[in-house]
Structures are given as structure tokens and as C-alpha cells.
N, C-alpha and C. Protein backbone atom coordinates (compact mmCIF):
# COMPACT_ATOMS: atom_id res chain seq x y z
N UNK A 1 15.99 -87.86 202.40
CA UNK A 1 15.90 -88.95 203.34
C UNK A 1 16.82 -90.10 202.93
N UNK A 2 16.91 -90.34 201.62
CA UNK A 2 17.76 -91.44 201.18
C UNK A 2 19.23 -91.16 201.49
N UNK A 3 19.63 -89.89 201.44
CA UNK A 3 21.01 -89.56 201.76
C UNK A 3 21.29 -89.79 203.24
N UNK A 4 20.35 -89.41 204.07
CA UNK A 4 20.52 -89.61 205.51
C UNK A 4 20.55 -91.10 205.84
N UNK A 5 19.68 -91.88 205.20
CA UNK A 5 19.67 -93.33 205.43
C UNK A 5 21.01 -93.94 205.01
N UNK A 6 21.53 -93.51 203.88
CA UNK A 6 22.83 -94.03 203.42
C UNK A 6 23.94 -93.60 204.37
N UNK A 7 23.89 -92.36 204.83
CA UNK A 7 24.88 -91.86 205.78
C UNK A 7 24.88 -92.71 207.05
N UNK A 8 23.68 -92.97 207.59
CA UNK A 8 23.57 -93.76 208.81
C UNK A 8 24.02 -95.20 208.60
N UNK A 9 23.72 -95.77 207.44
CA UNK A 9 24.19 -97.13 207.14
C UNK A 9 25.72 -97.18 207.11
N UNK A 10 26.32 -96.18 206.52
CA UNK A 10 27.78 -96.14 206.46
C UNK A 10 28.39 -95.98 207.85
N UNK A 11 27.78 -95.14 208.68
CA UNK A 11 28.27 -94.97 210.05
C UNK A 11 28.11 -96.28 210.82
N UNK A 12 26.98 -96.94 210.66
CA UNK A 12 26.75 -98.22 211.34
C UNK A 12 27.76 -99.27 210.85
N UNK A 13 28.22 -99.12 209.63
CA UNK A 13 29.20 -100.05 209.08
C UNK A 13 30.63 -99.74 209.48
N UNK A 14 30.83 -98.66 210.26
CA UNK A 14 32.17 -98.35 210.75
C UNK A 14 32.82 -97.12 210.16
N UNK A 15 32.20 -96.49 209.19
CA UNK A 15 32.76 -95.27 208.59
C UNK A 15 32.32 -94.08 209.44
N UNK A 16 33.25 -93.48 210.19
CA UNK A 16 32.85 -92.44 211.14
C UNK A 16 32.38 -91.15 210.49
N UNK A 17 32.99 -90.76 209.36
CA UNK A 17 32.56 -89.55 208.65
C UNK A 17 32.46 -89.84 207.15
N UNK A 18 31.31 -90.38 206.72
CA UNK A 18 31.14 -90.70 205.30
C UNK A 18 31.23 -89.45 204.43
N UNK A 19 31.84 -89.59 203.27
CA UNK A 19 31.97 -88.48 202.33
C UNK A 19 30.84 -88.57 201.29
N UNK A 20 30.74 -87.53 200.48
CA UNK A 20 29.75 -87.52 199.41
C UNK A 20 30.00 -88.69 198.46
N UNK A 21 31.26 -88.98 198.21
CA UNK A 21 31.61 -90.10 197.33
C UNK A 21 31.15 -91.44 197.92
N UNK A 22 31.33 -91.61 199.23
CA UNK A 22 30.89 -92.84 199.90
C UNK A 22 29.38 -93.03 199.76
N UNK A 23 28.65 -91.95 200.00
CA UNK A 23 27.18 -92.01 199.95
C UNK A 23 26.71 -92.27 198.52
N UNK A 24 27.30 -91.57 197.56
CA UNK A 24 26.94 -91.76 196.16
C UNK A 24 27.22 -93.19 195.72
N UNK A 25 28.35 -93.73 196.14
CA UNK A 25 28.71 -95.11 195.79
C UNK A 25 27.72 -96.10 196.38
N UNK A 26 27.33 -95.90 197.65
CA UNK A 26 26.37 -96.80 198.29
C UNK A 26 25.02 -96.74 197.59
N UNK A 27 24.53 -95.54 197.34
CA UNK A 27 23.24 -95.40 196.66
C UNK A 27 23.29 -95.97 195.24
N UNK A 28 24.41 -95.75 194.57
CA UNK A 28 24.58 -96.28 193.21
C UNK A 28 24.55 -97.80 193.17
N UNK A 29 25.01 -98.42 194.26
CA UNK A 29 25.04 -99.88 194.30
C UNK A 29 23.64 -100.49 194.31
N UNK A 30 22.63 -99.68 194.66
CA UNK A 30 21.25 -100.17 194.64
C UNK A 30 20.43 -99.45 193.56
N UNK A 31 21.16 -98.77 192.63
CA UNK A 31 20.49 -98.15 191.49
C UNK A 31 19.79 -96.84 191.78
N UNK A 32 20.24 -96.11 192.79
CA UNK A 32 19.61 -94.84 193.13
C UNK A 32 20.54 -93.69 192.79
N UNK A 33 20.01 -92.72 192.06
CA UNK A 33 20.78 -91.52 191.75
C UNK A 33 20.31 -90.42 192.70
N UNK A 34 21.22 -89.50 193.00
CA UNK A 34 20.84 -88.45 193.94
C UNK A 34 21.16 -87.07 193.44
N UNK A 35 20.60 -86.10 194.12
CA UNK A 35 20.82 -84.69 193.84
C UNK A 35 22.05 -84.24 194.63
N UNK A 36 23.10 -83.86 193.92
CA UNK A 36 24.37 -83.51 194.55
C UNK A 36 24.23 -82.31 195.50
N UNK A 37 23.39 -81.35 195.15
CA UNK A 37 23.21 -80.17 196.01
C UNK A 37 22.58 -80.56 197.35
N UNK A 38 21.61 -81.45 197.31
CA UNK A 38 20.96 -81.90 198.56
C UNK A 38 21.93 -82.71 199.41
N UNK A 39 22.74 -83.54 198.76
CA UNK A 39 23.73 -84.34 199.47
C UNK A 39 24.75 -83.43 200.15
N UNK A 40 25.24 -82.44 199.43
CA UNK A 40 26.20 -81.50 200.02
C UNK A 40 25.59 -80.71 201.15
N UNK A 41 24.32 -80.36 201.03
CA UNK A 41 23.62 -79.65 202.10
C UNK A 41 23.53 -80.50 203.36
N UNK A 42 23.23 -81.78 203.19
CA UNK A 42 23.16 -82.70 204.33
C UNK A 42 24.53 -82.82 205.01
N UNK A 43 25.56 -83.03 204.20
CA UNK A 43 26.90 -83.19 204.75
C UNK A 43 27.36 -81.93 205.49
N UNK A 44 26.99 -80.77 204.97
CA UNK A 44 27.33 -79.51 205.64
C UNK A 44 26.62 -79.41 206.98
N UNK A 45 25.35 -79.83 207.02
CA UNK A 45 24.58 -79.79 208.27
C UNK A 45 25.12 -80.77 209.30
N UNK A 46 25.68 -81.89 208.85
CA UNK A 46 26.19 -82.92 209.76
C UNK A 46 27.66 -82.72 210.13
N UNK A 47 28.30 -81.77 209.47
CA UNK A 47 29.73 -81.55 209.68
C UNK A 47 30.04 -81.22 211.14
N UNK A 48 30.99 -81.96 211.69
CA UNK A 48 31.43 -81.71 213.07
C UNK A 48 30.52 -82.31 214.14
N UNK A 49 29.50 -83.05 213.74
CA UNK A 49 28.57 -83.65 214.70
C UNK A 49 28.67 -85.17 214.62
N UNK A 50 28.46 -85.80 215.75
CA UNK A 50 28.37 -87.25 215.76
C UNK A 50 26.92 -87.66 215.52
N UNK A 51 26.70 -88.89 215.14
CA UNK A 51 25.34 -89.38 214.92
C UNK A 51 24.54 -89.29 216.21
N UNK A 52 25.17 -89.58 217.34
CA UNK A 52 24.48 -89.49 218.63
C UNK A 52 23.99 -88.07 218.90
N UNK A 53 24.82 -87.08 218.57
CA UNK A 53 24.42 -85.68 218.76
C UNK A 53 23.24 -85.32 217.87
N UNK A 54 23.29 -85.78 216.63
CA UNK A 54 22.22 -85.47 215.67
C UNK A 54 20.91 -86.11 216.12
N UNK A 55 20.99 -87.35 216.59
CA UNK A 55 19.78 -88.04 217.06
C UNK A 55 19.22 -87.34 218.29
N UNK A 56 20.08 -86.95 219.22
CA UNK A 56 19.61 -86.25 220.42
C UNK A 56 18.96 -84.92 220.05
N UNK A 57 19.56 -84.20 219.11
CA UNK A 57 19.00 -82.92 218.66
C UNK A 57 17.63 -83.13 218.00
N UNK A 58 17.53 -84.15 217.15
CA UNK A 58 16.27 -84.46 216.48
C UNK A 58 15.20 -84.90 217.46
N UNK A 59 15.59 -85.66 218.47
CA UNK A 59 14.62 -86.12 219.48
C UNK A 59 14.04 -84.95 220.24
N UNK A 60 14.88 -83.97 220.58
CA UNK A 60 14.36 -82.81 221.31
C UNK A 60 13.42 -82.00 220.44
N UNK A 61 13.69 -81.95 219.14
CA UNK A 61 12.78 -81.24 218.23
C UNK A 61 11.46 -81.99 218.08
N UNK A 62 11.52 -83.31 218.01
CA UNK A 62 10.30 -84.11 217.89
C UNK A 62 9.44 -84.02 219.14
N UNK A 63 10.06 -83.83 220.28
CA UNK A 63 9.31 -83.74 221.53
C UNK A 63 8.36 -82.54 221.52
N UNK A 64 8.69 -81.52 220.75
CA UNK A 64 7.85 -80.33 220.72
C UNK A 64 6.75 -80.41 219.66
N UNK A 65 6.73 -81.46 218.86
CA UNK A 65 5.73 -81.63 217.81
C UNK A 65 4.48 -82.29 218.38
N UNK A 66 3.33 -81.70 218.09
CA UNK A 66 2.06 -82.28 218.54
C UNK A 66 1.76 -83.52 217.72
N UNK A 67 1.48 -84.62 218.38
CA UNK A 67 1.18 -85.86 217.67
C UNK A 67 -0.28 -86.26 217.82
N UNK A 68 -1.10 -85.38 218.34
CA UNK A 68 -2.51 -85.70 218.49
C UNK A 68 -2.79 -86.57 219.70
N UNK A 69 -1.89 -86.59 220.66
CA UNK A 69 -2.06 -87.42 221.85
C UNK A 69 -3.31 -87.07 222.64
N UNK A 70 -3.66 -85.79 222.69
CA UNK A 70 -4.85 -85.37 223.42
C UNK A 70 -6.11 -85.91 222.74
N UNK A 71 -6.11 -85.90 221.42
CA UNK A 71 -7.27 -86.43 220.70
C UNK A 71 -7.40 -87.93 220.91
N UNK A 72 -6.28 -88.62 220.91
CA UNK A 72 -6.32 -90.07 221.13
C UNK A 72 -6.78 -90.40 222.54
N UNK A 73 -6.33 -89.62 223.50
CA UNK A 73 -6.75 -89.84 224.88
C UNK A 73 -8.25 -89.59 225.03
N UNK A 74 -8.73 -88.54 224.38
CA UNK A 74 -10.15 -88.23 224.45
C UNK A 74 -10.96 -89.33 223.77
N UNK A 75 -10.45 -89.84 222.65
CA UNK A 75 -11.12 -90.92 221.95
C UNK A 75 -11.16 -92.18 222.78
N UNK A 76 -10.07 -92.46 223.49
CA UNK A 76 -10.02 -93.64 224.36
C UNK A 76 -11.01 -93.53 225.50
N UNK A 77 -11.14 -92.34 226.07
CA UNK A 77 -12.09 -92.13 227.16
C UNK A 77 -13.52 -92.28 226.64
N UNK A 78 -13.76 -91.76 225.44
CA UNK A 78 -15.10 -91.87 224.87
C UNK A 78 -15.43 -93.33 224.57
N UNK A 79 -14.45 -94.07 224.08
CA UNK A 79 -14.67 -95.49 223.77
C UNK A 79 -14.96 -96.27 225.05
N UNK A 80 -14.26 -95.94 226.11
CA UNK A 80 -14.48 -96.63 227.38
C UNK A 80 -15.88 -96.34 227.90
N UNK A 81 -16.33 -95.12 227.70
CA UNK A 81 -17.67 -94.75 228.15
C UNK A 81 -18.73 -95.31 227.21
N UNK A 82 -18.35 -95.55 225.94
CA UNK A 82 -19.30 -95.99 224.92
C UNK A 82 -19.76 -97.42 225.08
N UNK A 83 -18.94 -98.27 225.62
CA UNK A 83 -19.36 -99.64 225.85
C UNK A 83 -19.01 -100.59 224.73
N UNK A 84 -20.00 -101.29 224.18
CA UNK A 84 -19.79 -102.42 223.27
C UNK A 84 -19.22 -102.03 221.92
N UNK A 85 -19.43 -100.81 221.46
CA UNK A 85 -18.96 -100.41 220.14
C UNK A 85 -17.45 -100.24 220.09
N UNK A 86 -16.80 -100.03 221.19
CA UNK A 86 -15.37 -99.73 221.21
C UNK A 86 -14.53 -100.86 220.62
N UNK A 87 -14.71 -102.13 220.96
CA UNK A 87 -13.87 -103.17 220.36
C UNK A 87 -14.02 -103.26 218.84
N UNK A 88 -15.21 -103.07 218.33
CA UNK A 88 -15.43 -103.13 216.88
C UNK A 88 -14.71 -101.98 216.19
N UNK A 89 -14.75 -100.79 216.78
CA UNK A 89 -14.07 -99.64 216.19
C UNK A 89 -12.56 -99.85 216.21
N UNK A 90 -12.03 -100.38 217.31
CA UNK A 90 -10.60 -100.63 217.41
C UNK A 90 -10.16 -101.65 216.36
N UNK A 91 -10.95 -102.67 216.14
CA UNK A 91 -10.61 -103.70 215.15
C UNK A 91 -10.54 -103.09 213.76
N UNK A 92 -11.48 -102.18 213.42
CA UNK A 92 -11.47 -101.53 212.12
C UNK A 92 -10.23 -100.66 211.96
N UNK A 93 -9.85 -99.93 213.01
CA UNK A 93 -8.67 -99.07 212.95
C UNK A 93 -7.41 -99.91 212.77
N UNK A 94 -7.29 -101.01 213.50
CA UNK A 94 -6.12 -101.87 213.39
C UNK A 94 -6.02 -102.47 211.99
N UNK A 95 -7.16 -102.88 211.44
CA UNK A 95 -7.18 -103.46 210.10
C UNK A 95 -6.70 -102.46 209.07
N UNK A 96 -7.14 -101.21 209.20
CA UNK A 96 -6.74 -100.16 208.27
C UNK A 96 -5.25 -99.89 208.39
N UNK A 97 -4.71 -99.81 209.60
CA UNK A 97 -3.30 -99.56 209.81
C UNK A 97 -2.45 -100.66 209.21
N UNK A 98 -2.85 -101.90 209.35
CA UNK A 98 -2.08 -103.02 208.82
C UNK A 98 -2.01 -102.98 207.30
N UNK A 99 -3.06 -102.52 206.64
CA UNK A 99 -3.07 -102.51 205.19
C UNK A 99 -2.18 -101.41 204.61
N UNK A 100 -1.78 -100.42 205.39
CA UNK A 100 -0.95 -99.32 204.93
C UNK A 100 0.52 -99.50 205.28
N UNK A 101 0.95 -100.73 205.60
CA UNK A 101 2.30 -100.95 206.11
C UNK A 101 3.41 -100.40 205.23
N UNK A 102 3.52 -100.81 203.95
CA UNK A 102 4.65 -100.34 203.16
C UNK A 102 4.26 -99.34 202.08
N UNK A 103 3.03 -99.23 201.73
CA UNK A 103 2.48 -98.30 200.76
C UNK A 103 3.27 -98.26 199.44
N UNK A 104 4.00 -99.34 199.14
CA UNK A 104 4.70 -99.42 197.88
C UNK A 104 6.03 -98.68 197.83
N UNK A 105 6.53 -98.22 198.97
CA UNK A 105 7.79 -97.50 199.00
C UNK A 105 8.91 -98.39 199.52
N UNK A 106 10.07 -98.21 198.95
CA UNK A 106 11.25 -98.91 199.43
C UNK A 106 12.13 -97.95 200.20
N UNK A 107 13.15 -98.45 200.82
CA UNK A 107 14.05 -97.63 201.62
C UNK A 107 14.73 -96.54 200.81
N UNK A 108 15.08 -96.83 199.56
CA UNK A 108 15.82 -95.86 198.77
C UNK A 108 15.01 -95.27 197.63
N UNK A 109 13.69 -95.24 197.73
CA UNK A 109 12.86 -94.64 196.66
C UNK A 109 12.87 -93.14 196.76
């Protein structure tokens, strides 16, 4: 993931086809070392593709992943039918979600 993030940062900065050296240099500037085999694998997978193509391809793959939407919809219907307990439950869920925001991870960990 850190290699992909570095690749995208370099593309956003104007480098149309970042090399392994570019990515290694960027990651090194923030004290991150990487696995050369994984980096080369990523670059091979991205070879000949634009970032827009990769994002479109990834979006179509994500569309087929179940995200539990049916369970959430059923829970929402149950909460609506449940009455007074629903706002209290929602407040507890929101509080829990807010406490897990960064979980101690940085962008390049």
C-alpha cells in the first residue's frame, strides 16, 4: 500500500510514470524502507496503464464486493420500528467509530 500511495503522490506531482528509483527516493525521504520485489511487482502491474484506468478498474472490482448494505438496511428498518432506543444506539455507534479514526497508523507505516 505504501508503494501505491507513493506512486500516486508522484503522479499527482506531475511525474507521469514514476520509476522504482523515484518511489524508493520518496519513501526514503520519510524514513520508510521497502521490499524491492513488491515494488517491482506493483510497477509491472501498472505498466502501460494510466492512473485513471487503474482507478476505474479498481472501482469496478469494488462494486462487486459485499459491504453489508443489506444488513445495514435491515438494521435501519428495525431501528425505525423500535422507537426510542434507536437514537441511543446510533449515538453509541458514532462514538465508537470516532474513537477508531487513526488507530495509530500513519500513511507510510
